[in-house]
N, C-alpha and C. Protein backbone atom coordinates (compact mmCIF):
# COMPACT_ATOMS: atom_id res chain seq x y z
N MET A 1 -22.11 8.55 -19.07
CA MET A 1 -21.46 8.45 -17.98
C MET A 1 -20.76 9.62 -17.62
N MET A 2 -20.92 10.35 -16.68
CA MET A 2 -20.43 11.48 -16.60
C MET A 2 -18.30 11.55 -16.33
N THR A 3 -18.32 12.18 -16.32
CA THR A 3 -16.93 12.75 -16.44
C THR A 3 -16.44 13.88 -15.43
N VAL A 4 -15.37 13.75 -14.89
CA VAL A 4 -14.17 14.79 -14.15
C VAL A 4 -13.02 14.90 -14.92
N TYR A 5 -12.86 16.28 -15.33
CA TYR A 5 -11.40 16.34 -15.91
C TYR A 5 -10.89 16.81 -14.72
N MET A 6 -10.01 16.08 -14.37
CA MET A 6 -9.11 16.09 -12.91
C MET A 6 -7.64 16.74 -13.61
N LEU A 7 -7.47 18.67 -13.28
CA LEU A 7 -6.34 19.20 -13.53
C LEU A 7 -5.41 18.80 -12.55
N VAL A 8 -4.07 18.14 -13.24
CA VAL A 8 -2.92 17.97 -12.30
C VAL A 8 -1.59 19.03 -12.84
N GLY A 9 -1.61 19.77 -11.74
CA GLY A 9 -0.26 20.71 -11.83
C GLY A 9 0.20 21.31 -10.44
N VAL A 10 1.47 22.16 -10.27
CA VAL A 10 1.95 22.64 -9.29
C VAL A 10 1.12 24.15 -9.86
N PRO A 11 1.37 25.32 -8.74
CA PRO A 11 0.64 26.19 -8.72
C PRO A 11 1.44 27.07 -9.69
N ALA A 12 0.63 27.69 -10.54
CA ALA A 12 1.30 28.72 -11.31
C ALA A 12 1.63 27.83 -12.98
N SER A 13 1.13 26.53 -13.04
CA SER A 13 1.63 26.01 -13.84
C SER A 13 0.48 26.21 -15.39
N GLY A 14 -0.34 26.92 -15.06
CA GLY A 14 -1.31 27.34 -16.13
C GLY A 14 -2.66 26.56 -15.98
N LYS A 15 -3.37 26.32 -15.31
CA LYS A 15 -4.11 24.98 -14.93
C LYS A 15 -5.83 26.23 -15.46
N SER A 16 -5.62 26.97 -14.43
CA SER A 16 -6.93 28.39 -14.64
C SER A 16 -6.73 28.68 -15.68
N THR A 17 -5.72 29.08 -16.35
CA THR A 17 -5.98 30.07 -17.49
C THR A 17 -6.17 29.00 -18.73
N TRP A 18 -5.68 27.77 -18.84
CA TRP A 18 -6.07 27.10 -19.45
C TRP A 18 -7.87 26.69 -19.56
N VAL A 19 -8.30 26.36 -18.34
CA VAL A 19 -9.85 26.28 -18.28
C VAL A 19 -10.51 27.35 -18.95
N ASN A 20 -10.16 28.32 -18.52
CA ASN A 20 -10.58 29.71 -19.12
C ASN A 20 -10.47 30.01 -20.56
N SER A 21 -9.71 29.08 -20.84
CA SER A 21 -9.74 28.71 -22.87
C SER A 21 -10.05 28.07 -23.00
N GLN A 22 -11.32 27.48 -22.52
CA GLN A 22 -11.93 26.11 -23.06
C GLN A 22 -13.23 26.30 -22.91
N ASP A 23 -13.73 26.59 -24.30
CA ASP A 23 -15.23 27.21 -24.14
C ASP A 23 -16.42 25.50 -23.84
N TRP A 24 -15.22 24.45 -24.86
CA TRP A 24 -16.31 23.16 -24.72
C TRP A 24 -16.16 23.07 -22.90
N MET A 25 -15.88 23.57 -21.76
CA MET A 25 -16.42 23.23 -20.86
C MET A 25 -17.65 24.11 -20.06
N MET A 26 -17.77 24.93 -20.98
CA MET A 26 -19.24 26.05 -20.14
C MET A 26 -20.23 24.77 -20.13
N GLY A 27 -20.88 25.11 -19.10
CA GLY A 27 -22.06 24.33 -18.32
C GLY A 27 -21.11 23.36 -17.31
N MET A 28 -20.14 22.75 -17.41
CA MET A 28 -19.89 22.05 -16.45
C MET A 28 -19.59 22.46 -14.84
N ALA A 29 -19.69 21.96 -13.93
CA ALA A 29 -19.12 22.07 -12.15
C ALA A 29 -17.62 22.56 -12.43
N TYR A 30 -17.35 23.64 -12.25
CA TYR A 30 -16.38 23.99 -11.71
C TYR A 30 -15.85 23.75 -10.60
N ILE A 31 -14.96 23.38 -9.94
CA ILE A 31 -14.25 22.90 -8.62
C ILE A 31 -13.35 23.34 -8.37
N ASN A 32 -13.08 24.15 -7.45
CA ASN A 32 -12.07 25.18 -7.11
C ASN A 32 -12.49 25.59 -5.62
N THR A 33 -11.06 25.90 -4.76
CA THR A 33 -10.92 26.23 -3.38
C THR A 33 -10.92 28.24 -3.64
N ASP A 34 -9.88 28.28 -4.43
CA ASP A 34 -9.38 29.42 -4.82
C ASP A 34 -10.62 30.52 -4.80
N MET A 35 -11.60 30.20 -5.64
CA MET A 35 -12.84 31.50 -5.72
C MET A 35 -13.14 31.96 -4.36
N TYR A 36 -13.00 30.45 -3.57
CA TYR A 36 -13.84 31.03 -2.47
C TYR A 36 -12.81 31.62 -1.75
N VAL A 37 -11.68 31.33 -1.60
CA VAL A 37 -10.69 32.30 -1.11
C VAL A 37 -10.60 33.69 -1.33
N GLU A 38 -10.21 33.18 -2.73
CA GLU A 38 -10.67 35.10 -3.64
C GLU A 38 -11.83 36.25 -3.01
N ALA A 39 -13.17 35.17 -3.09
CA ALA A 39 -14.25 35.55 -2.61
C ALA A 39 -13.72 36.57 -1.08
N GLU A 40 -13.79 35.57 -0.28
CA GLU A 40 -13.70 35.93 1.45
C GLU A 40 -12.26 37.56 1.25
N ALA A 41 -11.45 37.30 0.42
CA ALA A 41 -10.17 38.04 0.76
C ALA A 41 -10.83 39.45 -0.04
N SER A 42 -11.87 39.33 -0.84
CA SER A 42 -12.77 40.71 -1.26
C SER A 42 -13.49 41.36 -0.67
N ARG A 43 -14.26 40.41 0.01
CA ARG A 43 -15.42 40.53 1.01
C ARG A 43 -14.58 41.30 2.48
N GLN A 44 -13.34 40.84 2.79
CA GLN A 44 -12.52 41.26 3.93
C GLN A 44 -11.61 42.52 3.47
N GLY A 45 -11.37 43.01 2.42
CA GLY A 45 -10.49 43.87 1.86
C GLY A 45 -9.48 43.31 1.62
N LYS A 46 -8.90 42.33 1.75
CA LYS A 46 -7.67 41.45 2.32
C LYS A 46 -7.29 40.90 0.73
N THR A 47 -5.98 40.53 1.09
CA THR A 47 -5.23 39.88 -0.35
C THR A 47 -5.81 37.90 0.09
N TYR A 48 -5.74 37.37 -0.86
CA TYR A 48 -5.42 35.92 -0.70
C TYR A 48 -4.77 35.70 0.17
N SER A 49 -3.41 36.09 -0.41
CA SER A 49 -2.47 35.44 0.81
C SER A 49 -3.17 35.32 2.45
N GLU A 50 -3.49 37.09 2.36
CA GLU A 50 -3.90 37.26 3.70
C GLU A 50 -4.88 36.29 4.83
N VAL A 51 -5.90 35.93 3.83
CA VAL A 51 -6.84 34.95 4.36
C VAL A 51 -6.65 33.44 4.06
N PHE A 52 -5.49 33.34 3.51
CA PHE A 52 -5.81 32.17 3.02
C PHE A 52 -5.67 30.41 4.17
N GLU A 53 -4.78 31.29 5.22
CA GLU A 53 -4.82 30.25 6.02
C GLU A 53 -6.11 29.69 7.08
N SER A 54 -6.51 30.98 7.90
CA SER A 54 -7.92 30.78 8.38
C SER A 54 -8.83 30.59 7.75
N TYR A 55 -8.95 31.21 6.65
CA TYR A 55 -10.22 30.64 5.62
C TYR A 55 -10.16 29.09 4.78
N MET A 56 -8.79 28.56 4.60
CA MET A 56 -8.75 27.59 3.70
C MET A 56 -9.84 26.29 4.62
N PRO A 57 -10.06 25.77 5.68
CA PRO A 57 -11.07 24.87 5.82
C PRO A 57 -12.40 25.40 5.38
N THR A 58 -12.65 26.34 5.01
CA THR A 58 -14.31 26.71 4.91
C THR A 58 -14.02 26.47 3.37
N ALA A 59 -13.40 27.44 2.95
CA ALA A 59 -13.22 27.04 1.21
C ALA A 59 -13.25 25.38 1.03
N VAL A 60 -12.35 24.76 1.70
CA VAL A 60 -12.51 23.20 1.26
C VAL A 60 -14.11 22.32 1.45
N HIS A 61 -14.97 22.92 2.74
CA HIS A 61 -15.73 22.40 2.72
C HIS A 61 -16.76 22.96 1.97
N LEU A 62 -16.66 24.29 1.75
CA LEU A 62 -17.60 24.59 0.21
C LEU A 62 -17.46 24.28 -1.15
N MET A 63 -16.19 23.69 -1.30
CA MET A 63 -15.57 23.05 -2.75
C MET A 63 -16.29 21.54 -2.05
N ALA A 64 -16.04 20.78 -1.52
CA ALA A 64 -16.79 19.89 -1.03
C ALA A 64 -18.50 19.74 -1.06
N ASN A 65 -19.08 20.46 -1.01
CA ASN A 65 -20.67 20.62 -0.95
C ASN A 65 -20.72 20.69 -2.66
N ASP A 66 -19.82 21.41 -3.36
CA ASP A 66 -20.19 21.93 -4.53
C ASP A 66 -19.99 20.55 -5.34
N VAL A 67 -18.85 19.46 -5.09
CA VAL A 67 -18.92 18.14 -5.15
C VAL A 67 -19.83 17.28 -5.49
N VAL A 68 -20.67 17.41 -4.02
CA VAL A 68 -21.90 16.84 -4.13
C VAL A 68 -22.71 17.09 -5.04
N THR A 69 -23.31 18.54 -4.56
CA THR A 69 -23.77 19.06 -5.24
C THR A 69 -24.17 18.69 -7.22
N ALA A 70 -22.94 19.03 -7.61
CA ALA A 70 -22.53 18.08 -9.24
C ALA A 70 -22.65 16.77 -9.19
N ARG A 71 -22.18 15.84 -8.45
CA ARG A 71 -22.72 14.24 -8.51
C ARG A 71 -24.46 14.42 -8.71
N GLU A 72 -24.92 14.81 -7.60
CA GLU A 72 -26.20 14.60 -7.68
C GLU A 72 -27.19 15.08 -8.65
N GLN A 73 -26.84 16.21 -9.37
CA GLN A 73 -27.39 16.89 -10.75
C GLN A 73 -26.52 16.07 -11.91
N GLY A 74 -25.75 15.20 -11.85
CA GLY A 74 -25.28 14.75 -13.14
C GLY A 74 -24.45 15.56 -14.07
N LEU A 75 -23.97 16.29 -13.41
CA LEU A 75 -23.06 17.11 -14.47
C LEU A 75 -21.54 16.45 -14.47
N ASP A 76 -21.20 17.09 -15.51
CA ASP A 76 -19.84 16.88 -16.05
C ASP A 76 -18.63 17.97 -14.83
N ILE A 77 -17.64 17.95 -14.60
CA ILE A 77 -17.14 18.10 -13.25
C ILE A 77 -15.40 18.65 -13.95
N VAL A 78 -15.02 19.84 -13.85
CA VAL A 78 -13.53 20.17 -14.21
C VAL A 78 -13.36 20.65 -12.38
N TRP A 79 -12.05 19.85 -11.92
CA TRP A 79 -11.78 19.64 -10.64
C TRP A 79 -10.10 20.42 -10.61
N ASP A 80 -10.35 21.86 -10.63
CA ASP A 80 -9.18 22.96 -10.77
C ASP A 80 -8.20 23.06 -9.14
N GLN A 81 -7.54 21.66 -9.00
CA GLN A 81 -6.75 21.91 -7.78
C GLN A 81 -5.36 21.40 -8.23
N THR A 82 -4.19 21.27 -7.92
CA THR A 82 -3.29 20.79 -7.45
C THR A 82 -2.60 18.94 -8.08
N SER A 83 -3.61 18.66 -7.00
CA SER A 83 -3.87 17.21 -7.37
C SER A 83 -2.49 16.37 -8.13
N THR A 84 -1.46 16.93 -7.27
CA THR A 84 0.19 16.27 -7.59
C THR A 84 0.38 14.97 -6.94
N THR A 85 -0.45 14.40 -6.35
CA THR A 85 0.03 12.90 -5.37
C THR A 85 -1.38 12.34 -5.75
N ILE A 86 -0.71 11.22 -5.30
CA ILE A 86 -2.07 9.76 -5.58
C ILE A 86 -2.72 10.22 -4.44
N GLU A 87 -2.22 10.04 -3.38
CA GLU A 87 -3.26 10.29 -2.62
C GLU A 87 -4.23 11.46 -2.62
N SER A 88 -3.73 12.83 -2.97
CA SER A 88 -4.84 13.84 -3.14
C SER A 88 -5.53 13.39 -4.03
N ARG A 89 -5.33 12.80 -5.33
CA ARG A 89 -6.24 12.50 -6.37
C ARG A 89 -7.30 11.07 -6.02
N ALA A 90 -6.70 10.65 -5.15
CA ALA A 90 -7.59 9.09 -4.56
C ALA A 90 -8.86 9.82 -3.85
N LYS A 91 -8.28 10.67 -2.93
CA LYS A 91 -9.43 11.75 -2.46
C LYS A 91 -10.71 11.71 -3.16
N LYS A 92 -10.43 12.66 -4.31
CA LYS A 92 -11.21 13.33 -5.57
C LYS A 92 -11.88 11.73 -5.82
N PHE A 93 -11.43 10.50 -6.53
CA PHE A 93 -11.93 9.51 -7.01
C PHE A 93 -13.26 8.99 -6.19
N ALA A 94 -12.80 8.85 -4.80
CA ALA A 94 -13.84 8.32 -3.68
C ALA A 94 -15.08 9.17 -3.75
N MET A 95 -14.87 10.72 -4.19
CA MET A 95 -16.26 11.06 -4.05
C MET A 95 -16.71 11.41 -4.86
N LEU A 96 -16.07 10.51 -6.40
CA LEU A 96 -16.69 10.69 -7.70
C LEU A 96 -16.97 9.40 -8.06
N PRO A 97 -17.42 8.61 -7.40
CA PRO A 97 -17.56 7.09 -8.17
C PRO A 97 -18.51 6.67 -9.64
N ASP A 98 -19.26 7.74 -9.00
CA ASP A 98 -19.76 7.54 -11.10
C ASP A 98 -19.44 8.34 -12.05
N HIS A 99 -18.32 8.75 -12.16
CA HIS A 99 -17.36 9.54 -12.95
C HIS A 99 -16.22 9.17 -13.70
N GLU A 100 -16.24 9.48 -14.98
CA GLU A 100 -15.02 8.81 -15.58
C GLU A 100 -13.70 9.84 -15.43
N ALA A 101 -12.54 9.31 -15.02
CA ALA A 101 -11.85 10.48 -14.97
C ALA A 101 -10.29 10.78 -15.79
N ILE A 102 -10.37 12.24 -16.33
CA ILE A 102 -9.61 12.22 -17.00
C ILE A 102 -8.53 12.85 -16.37
N ALA A 103 -7.27 12.79 -16.44
CA ALA A 103 -5.98 13.52 -16.14
C ALA A 103 -5.99 14.63 -17.06
N VAL A 104 -5.79 15.64 -16.90
CA VAL A 104 -5.34 16.96 -17.61
C VAL A 104 -4.10 17.41 -17.24
N VAL A 105 -3.05 17.05 -17.53
CA VAL A 105 -1.54 17.34 -16.96
C VAL A 105 -0.86 18.64 -17.50
N PHE A 106 -0.51 19.35 -16.42
CA PHE A 106 0.33 20.88 -16.93
C PHE A 106 1.78 20.51 -16.40
N ALA A 107 2.69 20.45 -16.95
CA ALA A 107 3.82 20.15 -16.91
C ALA A 107 4.79 21.76 -15.83
N VAL A 108 5.55 21.10 -14.84
CA VAL A 108 6.16 22.73 -14.32
C VAL A 108 6.74 23.49 -15.82
N PRO A 109 6.30 24.64 -15.77
CA PRO A 109 7.63 25.52 -16.30
C PRO A 109 8.77 25.73 -16.05
N ASP A 110 10.03 26.17 -17.27
CA ASP A 110 11.13 26.11 -16.47
C ASP A 110 11.45 26.82 -15.70
N SER A 111 12.58 26.91 -14.95
CA SER A 111 12.26 27.92 -13.23
C SER A 111 12.42 29.09 -13.67
N VAL A 112 12.80 29.99 -15.03
CA VAL A 112 12.80 30.97 -14.95
C VAL A 112 11.20 31.41 -15.37
N GLU A 113 10.33 31.17 -15.81
CA GLU A 113 8.90 30.77 -16.30
C GLU A 113 8.13 31.27 -15.48
N HIS A 114 8.42 30.19 -14.33
CA HIS A 114 7.60 29.61 -13.01
C HIS A 114 7.94 30.85 -12.54
N ALA A 115 8.86 31.20 -12.30
CA ALA A 115 9.52 32.55 -10.85
C ALA A 115 8.42 33.14 -11.36
N ARG A 116 8.31 33.87 -12.83
CA ARG A 116 7.78 34.87 -13.53
C ARG A 116 6.48 34.89 -13.03
N ARG A 117 5.88 33.43 -13.32
CA ARG A 117 4.59 33.50 -13.51
C ARG A 117 3.75 33.49 -11.86
N LEU A 118 4.61 32.95 -10.98
CA LEU A 118 4.51 33.09 -9.23
C LEU A 118 4.77 34.48 -9.09
N LEU A 119 5.80 35.59 -9.35
CA LEU A 119 6.02 37.06 -8.73
C LEU A 119 4.46 37.61 -9.82
N SER A 120 3.97 36.99 -10.64
CA SER A 120 2.58 37.81 -10.99
C SER A 120 1.58 38.05 -10.07
N ARG A 121 1.10 36.89 -9.40
CA ARG A 121 0.04 36.74 -8.85
C ARG A 121 0.03 37.65 -7.93
N ILE A 122 -0.18 39.05 -7.61
CA ILE A 122 -0.27 40.35 -6.98
C ILE A 122 -1.20 39.55 -5.60
N GLY A 123 -0.68 39.61 -4.30
CA GLY A 123 -1.78 39.20 -3.29
C GLY A 123 -1.80 37.72 -3.36
N LYS A 124 -1.55 37.04 -4.02
CA LYS A 124 -1.20 35.42 -3.98
C LYS A 124 0.21 34.97 -3.99
N THR A 125 0.89 34.45 -2.90
CA THR A 125 1.95 34.65 -2.55
C THR A 125 2.11 33.08 -1.98
N ILE A 126 2.74 32.49 -2.77
CA ILE A 126 3.50 30.86 -2.14
C ILE A 126 4.77 30.36 -1.95
N SER A 127 5.14 30.64 -0.53
CA SER A 127 6.49 30.39 -0.74
C SER A 127 7.30 29.56 -1.31
N PRO A 128 8.45 29.57 -2.06
CA PRO A 128 9.81 29.22 -2.81
C PRO A 128 9.48 27.41 -2.11
N GLU A 129 9.55 27.54 -0.92
CA GLU A 129 9.56 26.15 -0.36
C GLU A 129 8.33 25.41 -0.42
N VAL A 130 7.49 25.61 -0.39
CA VAL A 130 6.31 24.84 -0.39
C VAL A 130 6.07 24.61 -1.91
N VAL A 131 6.07 25.59 -2.63
CA VAL A 131 6.37 25.23 -4.35
C VAL A 131 7.49 23.72 -4.78
N GLU A 132 8.57 24.25 -3.94
CA GLU A 132 9.92 22.76 -4.26
C GLU A 132 9.27 21.75 -3.72
N LEU A 133 8.42 21.88 -2.40
CA LEU A 133 8.45 20.10 -1.84
C LEU A 133 6.78 19.88 -2.83
N MET A 134 6.31 20.33 -3.58
CA MET A 134 5.46 20.41 -4.37
C MET A 134 6.11 19.68 -5.68
N ILE A 135 6.88 20.13 -6.22
CA ILE A 135 7.38 19.49 -7.44
C ILE A 135 8.11 18.59 -7.15
N ALA A 136 9.09 18.04 -5.72
CA ALA A 136 9.63 17.59 -5.47
C ALA A 136 8.78 16.15 -4.82
N GLY A 137 7.50 16.18 -4.95
CA GLY A 137 6.77 15.18 -3.92
C GLY A 137 5.46 14.92 -5.57
N TRP A 138 5.79 15.17 -6.53
CA TRP A 138 4.88 14.86 -7.73
C TRP A 138 5.10 13.89 -8.09
N GLN A 139 3.67 13.37 -8.27
CA GLN A 139 3.58 11.87 -8.71
C GLN A 139 2.61 11.80 -9.60
N GLU A 140 3.25 11.22 -10.82
CA GLU A 140 2.69 11.10 -12.63
C GLU A 140 1.69 10.21 -12.34
N PRO A 141 0.08 10.91 -12.87
CA PRO A 141 -0.88 10.29 -12.72
C PRO A 141 -0.92 8.90 -13.66
N THR A 142 -1.58 7.75 -13.61
CA THR A 142 -1.62 6.55 -14.11
C THR A 142 -2.84 6.35 -14.58
N ARG A 143 -3.09 5.53 -15.49
CA ARG A 143 -4.46 4.65 -15.59
C ARG A 143 -4.63 3.82 -14.55
N GLU A 144 -3.55 2.87 -13.64
CA GLU A 144 -3.92 2.41 -12.84
C GLU A 144 -4.54 3.23 -12.09
N GLU A 145 -4.24 4.17 -11.42
CA GLU A 145 -4.98 5.06 -10.09
C GLU A 145 -6.61 4.73 -10.64
N GLY A 146 -6.68 4.94 -12.04
CA GLY A 146 -8.44 5.21 -12.47
C GLY A 146 -8.63 6.17 -13.13
N PHE A 147 -7.51 6.63 -14.19
CA PHE A 147 -8.07 7.47 -15.16
C PHE A 147 -8.00 6.90 -16.27
N LYS A 148 -9.11 7.26 -17.27
CA LYS A 148 -9.63 6.39 -18.56
C LYS A 148 -8.97 6.82 -19.48
N GLU A 149 -8.22 8.52 -19.00
CA GLU A 149 -7.07 8.92 -20.12
C GLU A 149 -6.24 9.73 -19.44
N ILE A 150 -5.42 10.32 -20.23
CA ILE A 150 -4.22 11.26 -19.86
C ILE A 150 -4.08 12.07 -20.80
N TRP A 151 -4.23 13.70 -20.33
CA TRP A 151 -3.98 14.80 -21.56
C TRP A 151 -2.88 15.20 -21.10
N ARG A 152 -1.69 15.77 -21.41
CA ARG A 152 -1.23 16.45 -21.70
C ARG A 152 -1.27 17.85 -22.30
N VAL A 153 -0.89 18.96 -21.58
CA VAL A 153 -1.17 20.66 -22.01
C VAL A 153 -0.15 21.12 -21.81
């Protein structure tokens, strides 16, 4: 059976950094909207933040196409998005009915470290209010919602 590793964590919690250190994930489909937004920003000579709002619908469409392609090719998937709510994860489950799901959960760093990480992302600004809403709305992943395993990083 195919597997989806669903990364669960707020922005700057270490998801993408962790993926980049996992050699065993080589060859898996990597699902992420950020790579599309970053590529478009580069194409336009702008920052991620400058193109985010206008380009995100396109990035989501391209990401969904990647999911369909990976599913059709029978690939294991690493899904690198925040996925902090049951509703957002349910949409992903619906797209991958033939995949077993493993939640890879990233704790929110302490406030000083989290602020440092957010500030270090040059050109990729997320308002503190948005981040606080995500933290406040956090819903812990559970086996009951469909995860075979839950890993804590």
